[in-house]
Amino acid sequence: MCLADVYLTDRQQTGTDELVLADVAYIECEQDSVFISTLLGETKIVQAEIRAVDFMKNTVTLRTKDNGNNG
C-alpha cells in the first residue's frame, strides 16, 4: 500500500516545508484548492496547487496559490 506525506511550501520558497497530513490515501484537485484525505478519514482542504509528487519518497509538495498579487 502506498501512502504519502503532504507538505506545503509558500511561493516565496523560504526553504521550509510544513507537514499538512501524513499517510494520505486520496488527493483531489479542485479549482482553487486541493482536497486531501488520510487512510483513517482525516481530511483537509488546502488553498494550494500541486508542485511536485515524489513516488520514491512517497511525498507530495503543495505550493500556496498566487492570489493575483504580483508585487
PDB file of N, CA and C in Angstrom:
ATOM      1  N   MET A   1       0.842  -1.171   0.000  1.00  0.00           N
ATOM      2  CA  MET A   1       0.000   0.000   0.000  1.00  0.00           C
ATOM      3  C   MET A   1       0.892   1.240   0.000  1.00  0.00           C
ATOM      4  N   CYS A   2       0.560   2.184  -0.865  1.00  0.00           N
ATOM      5  CA  CYS A   2       1.357   3.398  -0.982  1.00  0.00           C
ATOM      6  C   CYS A   2       0.584   4.578  -0.407  1.00  0.00           C
ATOM      7  N   LEU A   3       1.098   5.128   0.663  1.00  0.00           N
ATOM      8  CA  LEU A   3       0.541   6.336   1.263  1.00  0.00           C
ATOM      9  C   LEU A   3       1.600   7.421   1.170  1.00  0.00           C
ATOM     10  N   ALA A   4       1.172   8.661   1.171  1.00  0.00           N
ATOM     11  CA  ALA A   4       2.108   9.771   1.008  1.00  0.00           C
ATOM     12  C   ALA A   4       1.959  10.764   2.153  1.00  0.00           C
ATOM     13  N   ASP A   5       3.034  11.491   2.396  1.00  0.00           N
ATOM     14  CA  ASP A   5       3.004  12.634   3.298  1.00  0.00           C
ATOM     15  C   ASP A   5       2.878  13.882   2.422  1.00  0.00           C
ATOM     16  N   VAL A   6       1.999  14.791   2.823  1.00  0.00           N
ATOM     17  CA  VAL A   6       1.761  16.003   2.040  1.00  0.00           C
ATOM     18  C   VAL A   6       2.349  17.194   2.779  1.00  0.00           C
ATOM     19  N   TYR A   7       3.184  17.963   2.064  1.00  0.00           N
ATOM     20  CA  TYR A   7       3.846  19.138   2.615  1.00  0.00           C
ATOM     21  C   TYR A   7       3.393  20.375   1.868  1.00  0.00           C
ATOM     22  N   LEU A   8       3.458  21.523   2.542  1.00  0.00           N
ATOM     23  CA  LEU A   8       3.100  22.804   1.943  1.00  0.00           C
ATOM     24  C   LEU A   8       4.301  23.725   1.987  1.00  0.00           C
ATOM     25  N   THR A   9       4.615  24.326   0.847  1.00  0.00           N
ATOM     26  CA  THR A   9       5.658  25.336   0.763  1.00  0.00           C
ATOM     27  C   THR A   9       5.021  26.606   0.211  1.00  0.00           C
ATOM     28  N   ASP A  10       5.540  27.767   0.591  1.00  0.00           N
ATOM     29  CA  ASP A  10       4.943  29.003   0.090  1.00  0.00           C
ATOM     30  C   ASP A  10       5.636  29.441  -1.197  1.00  0.00           C
ATOM     31  N   ARG A  11       5.006  30.364  -1.885  1.00  0.00           N
ATOM     32  CA  ARG A  11       5.557  30.841  -3.156  1.00  0.00           C
ATOM     33  C   ARG A  11       6.886  31.573  -2.978  1.00  0.00           C
ATOM     34  N   GLN A  12       7.148  32.069  -1.785  1.00  0.00           N
ATOM     35  CA  GLN A  12       8.398  32.772  -1.523  1.00  0.00           C
ATOM     36  C   GLN A  12       9.566  31.797  -1.437  1.00  0.00           C
ATOM     37  N   GLN A  13       9.263  30.507  -1.357  1.00  0.00           N
ATOM     38  CA  GLN A  13      10.261  29.439  -1.290  1.00  0.00           C
ATOM     39  C   GLN A  13      11.290  29.717  -0.207  1.00  0.00           C
ATOM     40  N   THR A  14      10.800  29.800   1.030  1.00  0.00           N
ATOM     41  CA  THR A  14      11.665  30.089   2.170  1.00  0.00           C
ATOM     42  C   THR A  14      12.546  28.906   2.539  1.00  0.00           C
ATOM     43  N   GLY A  15      12.327  27.784   1.883  1.00  0.00           N
ATOM     44  CA  GLY A  15      13.152  26.626   2.163  1.00  0.00           C
ATOM     45  C   GLY A  15      12.584  25.706   3.233  1.00  0.00           C
ATOM     46  N   THR A  16      11.459  26.094   3.805  1.00  0.00           N
ATOM     47  CA  THR A  16      10.843  25.242   4.821  1.00  0.00           C
ATOM     48  C   THR A  16       9.511  24.726   4.311  1.00  0.00           C
ATOM     49  N   ASP A  17       9.313  23.433   4.463  1.00  0.00           N
ATOM     50  CA  ASP A  17       8.055  22.803   4.092  1.00  0.00           C
ATOM     51  C   ASP A  17       7.336  22.387   5.363  1.00  0.00           C
ATOM     52  N   GLU A  18       6.044  22.647   5.423  1.00  0.00           N
ATOM     53  CA  GLU A  18       5.228  22.328   6.583  1.00  0.00           C
ATOM     54  C   GLU A  18       4.418  21.065   6.287  1.00  0.00           C
ATOM     55  N   LEU A  19       4.478  20.087   7.183  1.00  0.00           N
ATOM     56  CA  LEU A  19       3.692  18.874   7.016  1.00  0.00           C
ATOM     57  C   LEU A  19       2.215  19.214   7.187  1.00  0.00           C
ATOM     58  N   VAL A  20       1.412  18.892   6.188  1.00  0.00           N
ATOM     59  CA  VAL A  20      -0.026  19.146   6.236  1.00  0.00           C
ATOM     60  C   VAL A  20      -0.746  17.916   6.778  1.00  0.00           C
ATOM     61  N   LEU A  21      -0.500  16.758   6.188  1.00  0.00           N
ATOM     62  CA  LEU A  21      -1.076  15.492   6.634  1.00  0.00           C
ATOM     63  C   LEU A  21      -0.125  14.351   6.287  1.00  0.00           C
ATOM     64  N   ALA A  22      -0.092  13.346   7.140  1.00  0.00           N
ATOM     65  CA  ALA A  22       0.694  12.141   6.887  1.00  0.00           C
ATOM     66  C   ALA A  22      -0.251  11.007   6.520  1.00  0.00           C
ATOM     67  N   ASP A  23       0.278   9.998   5.874  1.00  0.00           N
ATOM     68  CA  ASP A  23      -0.479   8.804   5.485  1.00  0.00           C
ATOM     69  C   ASP A  23      -1.696   9.139   4.638  1.00  0.00           C
ATOM     70  N   VAL A  24      -1.484   9.997   3.644  1.00  0.00           N
ATOM     71  CA  VAL A  24      -2.564  10.421   2.758  1.00  0.00           C
ATOM     72  C   VAL A  24      -2.827   9.337   1.717  1.00  0.00           C
ATOM     73  N   ALA A  25      -4.111   9.011   1.562  1.00  0.00           N
ATOM     74  CA  ALA A  25      -4.513   7.975   0.624  1.00  0.00           C
ATOM     75  C   ALA A  25      -5.222   8.540  -0.605  1.00  0.00           C
ATOM     76  N   TYR A  26      -5.721   9.795  -0.521  1.00  0.00           N
ATOM     77  CA  TYR A  26      -6.516  10.353  -1.608  1.00  0.00           C
ATOM     78  C   TYR A  26      -6.257  11.844  -1.733  1.00  0.00           C
ATOM     79  N   ILE A  27      -6.079  12.301  -2.972  1.00  0.00           N
ATOM     80  CA  ILE A  27      -5.903  13.724  -3.267  1.00  0.00           C
ATOM     81  C   ILE A  27      -6.796  14.072  -4.446  1.00  0.00           C
ATOM     82  N   GLU A  28      -7.499  15.191  -4.321  1.00  0.00           N
ATOM     83  CA  GLU A  28      -8.325  15.670  -5.428  1.00  0.00           C
ATOM     84  C   GLU A  28      -8.093  17.164  -5.607  1.00  0.00           C
ATOM     85  N   CYS A  29      -7.748  17.540  -6.825  1.00  0.00           N
ATOM     86  CA  CYS A  29      -7.548  18.948  -7.134  1.00  0.00           C
ATOM     87  C   CYS A  29      -8.886  19.559  -7.520  1.00  0.00           C
ATOM     88  N   GLU A  30      -9.194  20.690  -6.888  1.00  0.00           N
ATOM     89  CA  GLU A  30     -10.390  21.441  -7.208  1.00  0.00           C
ATOM     90  C   GLU A  30      -9.935  22.759  -7.809  1.00  0.00           C
ATOM     91  N   GLN A  31     -10.853  23.661  -8.109  1.00  0.00           N
ATOM     92  CA  GLN A  31     -10.481  24.897  -8.807  1.00  0.00           C
ATOM     93  C   GLN A  31      -9.364  25.658  -8.108  1.00  0.00           C
ATOM     94  N   ASP A  32      -9.559  26.006  -6.854  1.00  0.00           N
ATOM     95  CA  ASP A  32      -8.579  26.826  -6.154  1.00  0.00           C
ATOM     96  C   ASP A  32      -7.980  26.127  -4.945  1.00  0.00           C
ATOM     97  N   SER A  33      -8.163  24.816  -4.859  1.00  0.00           N
ATOM     98  CA  SER A  33      -7.715  24.125  -3.660  1.00  0.00           C
ATOM     99  C   SER A  33      -7.408  22.663  -3.948  1.00  0.00           C
ATOM    100  N   VAL A  34      -6.839  22.025  -2.933  1.00  0.00           N
ATOM    101  CA  VAL A  34      -6.530  20.599  -3.001  1.00  0.00           C
ATOM    102  C   VAL A  34      -7.189  19.935  -1.796  1.00  0.00           C
ATOM    103  N   PHE A  35      -8.003  18.922  -2.066  1.00  0.00           N
ATOM    104  CA  PHE A  35      -8.661  18.142  -1.020  1.00  0.00           C
ATOM    105  C   PHE A  35      -7.798  16.915  -0.760  1.00  0.00           C
ATOM    106  N   ILE A  36      -7.434  16.688   0.515  1.00  0.00           N
ATOM    107  CA  ILE A  36      -6.616  15.522   0.854  1.00  0.00           C
ATOM    108  C   ILE A  36      -7.277  14.750   1.985  1.00  0.00           C
ATOM    109  N   SER A  37      -7.114  13.429   1.947  1.00  0.00           N
ATOM    110  CA  SER A  37      -7.746  12.562   2.927  1.00  0.00           C
ATOM    111  C   SER A  37      -6.794  11.430   3.302  1.00  0.00           C
ATOM    112  N   THR A  38      -6.732  11.142   4.600  1.00  0.00           N
ATOM    113  CA  THR A  38      -5.866  10.062   5.072  1.00  0.00           C
ATOM    114  C   THR A  38      -6.595   8.727   5.013  1.00  0.00           C
ATOM    115  N   LEU A  39      -5.855   7.685   5.248  1.00  0.00           N
ATOM    116  CA  LEU A  39      -6.406   6.339   5.273  1.00  0.00           C
ATOM    117  C   LEU A  39      -7.481   6.200   6.349  1.00  0.00           C
ATOM    118  N   LEU A  40      -7.324   6.945   7.441  1.00  0.00           N
ATOM    119  CA  LEU A  40      -8.274   6.863   8.550  1.00  0.00           C
ATOM    120  C   LEU A  40      -9.420   7.868   8.442  1.00  0.00           C
ATOM    121  N   GLY A  41      -9.463   8.627   7.339  1.00  0.00           N
ATOM    122  CA  GLY A  41     -10.581   9.521   7.098  1.00  0.00           C
ATOM    123  C   GLY A  41     -10.400  10.962   7.520  1.00  0.00           C
ATOM    124  N   GLU A  42      -9.236  11.327   8.053  1.00  0.00           N
ATOM    125  CA  GLU A  42      -8.980  12.742   8.361  1.00  0.00           C
ATOM    126  C   GLU A  42      -8.856  13.497   7.046  1.00  0.00           C
ATOM    127  N   THR A  43      -9.507  14.651   6.947  1.00  0.00           N
ATOM    128  CA  THR A  43      -9.489  15.404   5.696  1.00  0.00           C
ATOM    129  C   THR A  43      -9.070  16.852   5.928  1.00  0.00           C
ATOM    130  N   LYS A  44      -8.524  17.438   4.883  1.00  0.00           N
ATOM    131  CA  LYS A  44      -8.186  18.864   4.874  1.00  0.00           C
ATOM    132  C   LYS A  44      -8.372  19.388   3.469  1.00  0.00           C
ATOM    133  N   ILE A  45      -8.729  20.655   3.389  1.00  0.00           N
ATOM    134  CA  ILE A  45      -8.768  21.363   2.117  1.00  0.00           C
ATOM    135  C   ILE A  45      -7.758  22.500   2.229  1.00  0.00           C
ATOM    136  N   VAL A  46      -6.826  22.532   1.294  1.00  0.00           N
ATOM    137  CA  VAL A  46      -5.732  23.499   1.331  1.00  0.00           C
ATOM    138  C   VAL A  46      -5.816  24.391   0.099  1.00  0.00           C
ATOM    139  N   GLN A  47      -5.741  25.701   0.305  1.00  0.00           N
ATOM    140  CA  GLN A  47      -5.708  26.653  -0.812  1.00  0.00           C
ATOM    141  C   GLN A  47      -4.308  26.599  -1.413  1.00  0.00           C
ATOM    142  N   ALA A  48      -4.118  25.684  -2.349  1.00  0.00           N
ATOM    143  CA  ALA A  48      -2.782  25.446  -2.902  1.00  0.00           C
ATOM    144  C   ALA A  48      -2.917  24.715  -4.232  1.00  0.00           C
ATOM    145  N   GLU A  49      -1.767  24.487  -4.849  1.00  0.00           N
ATOM    146  CA  GLU A  49      -1.688  23.684  -6.061  1.00  0.00           C
ATOM    147  C   GLU A  49      -0.565  22.676  -5.892  1.00  0.00           C
ATOM    148  N   ILE A  50      -0.620  21.585  -6.617  1.00  0.00           N
ATOM    149  CA  ILE A  50       0.425  20.572  -6.509  1.00  0.00           C
ATOM    150  C   ILE A  50       1.675  21.081  -7.197  1.00  0.00           C
ATOM    151  N   ARG A  51       2.769  21.062  -6.466  1.00  0.00           N
ATOM    152  CA  ARG A  51       4.062  21.491  -7.001  1.00  0.00           C
ATOM    153  C   ARG A  51       4.867  20.298  -7.489  1.00  0.00           C
ATOM    154  N   ALA A  52       4.864  19.200  -6.696  1.00  0.00           N
ATOM    155  CA  ALA A  52       5.657  18.026  -7.061  1.00  0.00           C
ATOM    156  C   ALA A  52       5.107  16.785  -6.375  1.00  0.00           C
ATOM    157  N   VAL A  53       5.299  15.654  -7.047  1.00  0.00           N
ATOM    158  CA  VAL A  53       4.971  14.346  -6.473  1.00  0.00           C
ATOM    159  C   VAL A  53       6.220  13.494  -6.604  1.00  0.00           C
ATOM    160  N   ASP A  54       6.692  12.952  -5.478  1.00  0.00           N
ATOM    161  CA  ASP A  54       7.883  12.111  -5.476  1.00  0.00           C
ATOM    162  C   ASP A  54       7.463  10.705  -5.057  1.00  0.00           C
ATOM    163  N   PHE A  55       7.334   9.816  -6.023  1.00  0.00           N
ATOM    164  CA  PHE A  55       6.890   8.459  -5.745  1.00  0.00           C
ATOM    165  C   PHE A  55       7.934   7.654  -4.977  1.00  0.00           C
ATOM    166  N   MET A  56       9.198   7.981  -5.137  1.00  0.00           N
ATOM    167  CA  MET A  56      10.258   7.261  -4.420  1.00  0.00           C
ATOM    168  C   MET A  56      10.253   7.595  -2.931  1.00  0.00           C
ATOM    169  N   LYS A  57       9.940   8.838  -2.595  1.00  0.00           N
ATOM    170  CA  LYS A  57       9.920   9.264  -1.190  1.00  0.00           C
ATOM    171  C   LYS A  57       8.509   9.280  -0.607  1.00  0.00           C
ATOM    172  N   ASN A  58       7.510   8.960  -1.444  1.00  0.00           N
ATOM    173  CA  ASN A  58       6.103   8.984  -1.027  1.00  0.00           C
ATOM    174  C   ASN A  58       5.716  10.346  -0.453  1.00  0.00           C
ATOM    175  N   THR A  59       6.062  11.401  -1.174  1.00  0.00           N
ATOM    176  CA  THR A  59       5.731  12.753  -0.740  1.00  0.00           C
ATOM    177  C   THR A  59       5.032  13.520  -1.857  1.00  0.00           C
ATOM    178  N   VAL A  60       4.164  14.415  -1.439  1.00  0.00           N
ATOM    179  CA  VAL A  60       3.515  15.365  -2.343  1.00  0.00           C
ATOM    180  C   VAL A  60       3.789  16.745  -1.766  1.00  0.00           C
ATOM    181  N   THR A  61       4.262  17.656  -2.606  1.00  0.00           N
ATOM    182  CA  THR A  61       4.529  19.013  -2.161  1.00  0.00           C
ATOM    183  C   THR A  61       3.520  19.943  -2.813  1.00  0.00           C
ATOM    184  N   LEU A  62       2.835  20.699  -1.970  1.00  0.00           N
ATOM    185  CA  LEU A  62       1.890  21.703  -2.438  1.00  0.00           C
ATOM    186  C   LEU A  62       2.532  23.073  -2.350  1.00  0.00           C
ATOM    187  N   ARG A  63       2.066  23.990  -3.185  1.00  0.00           N
ATOM    188  CA  ARG A  63       2.552  25.373  -3.151  1.00  0.00           C
ATOM    189  C   ARG A  63       1.342  26.273  -2.982  1.00  0.00           C
ATOM    190  N   THR A  64       1.464  27.275  -2.112  1.00  0.00           N
ATOM    191  CA  THR A  64       0.351  28.192  -1.911  1.00  0.00           C
ATOM    192  C   THR A  64      -0.026  28.869  -3.219  1.00  0.00           C
ATOM    193  N   LYS A  65      -1.309  29.125  -3.352  1.00  0.00           N
ATOM    194  CA  LYS A  65      -1.798  29.741  -4.581  1.00  0.00           C
ATOM    195  C   LYS A  65      -1.402  31.209  -4.640  1.00  0.00           C
ATOM    196  N   ASP A  66      -1.150  31.670  -5.846  1.00  0.00           N
ATOM    197  CA  ASP A  66      -0.910  33.093  -6.101  1.00  0.00           C
ATOM    198  C   ASP A  66      -2.261  33.750  -6.261  1.00  0.00           C
ATOM    199  N   ASN A  67      -2.591  34.669  -5.366  1.00  0.00           N
ATOM    200  CA  ASN A  67      -3.902  35.315  -5.391  1.00  0.00           C
ATOM    201  C   ASN A  67      -3.967  36.483  -6.358  1.00  0.00           C
ATOM    202  N   GLY A  68      -3.055  36.519  -7.311  1.00  0.00           N
ATOM    203  CA  GLY A  68      -3.083  37.598  -8.295  1.00  0.00           C
ATOM    204  C   GLY A  68      -2.363  38.845  -7.826  1.00  0.00           C
ATOM    205  N   ASN A  69      -1.726  38.777  -6.664  1.00  0.00           N
ATOM    206  CA  ASN A  69      -0.972  39.916  -6.148  1.00  0.00           C
ATOM    207  C   ASN A  69       0.484  39.783  -6.537  1.00  0.00           C
ATOM    208  N   ASN A  70       0.779  40.084  -7.764  1.00  0.00           N
ATOM    209  CA  ASN A  70       2.155  40.001  -8.234  1.00  0.00           C
ATOM    210  C   ASN A  70       2.846  41.312  -7.912  1.00  0.00           C
ATOM    211  N   GLY A  71       3.595  41.327  -6.817  1.00  0.00           N
ATOM    212  CA  GLY A  71       4.193  42.599  -6.433  1.00  0.00           C
ATOM    213  C   GLY A  71       5.522  42.435  -6.025  1.00  0.00           C
TER     214      GLY A  71
END
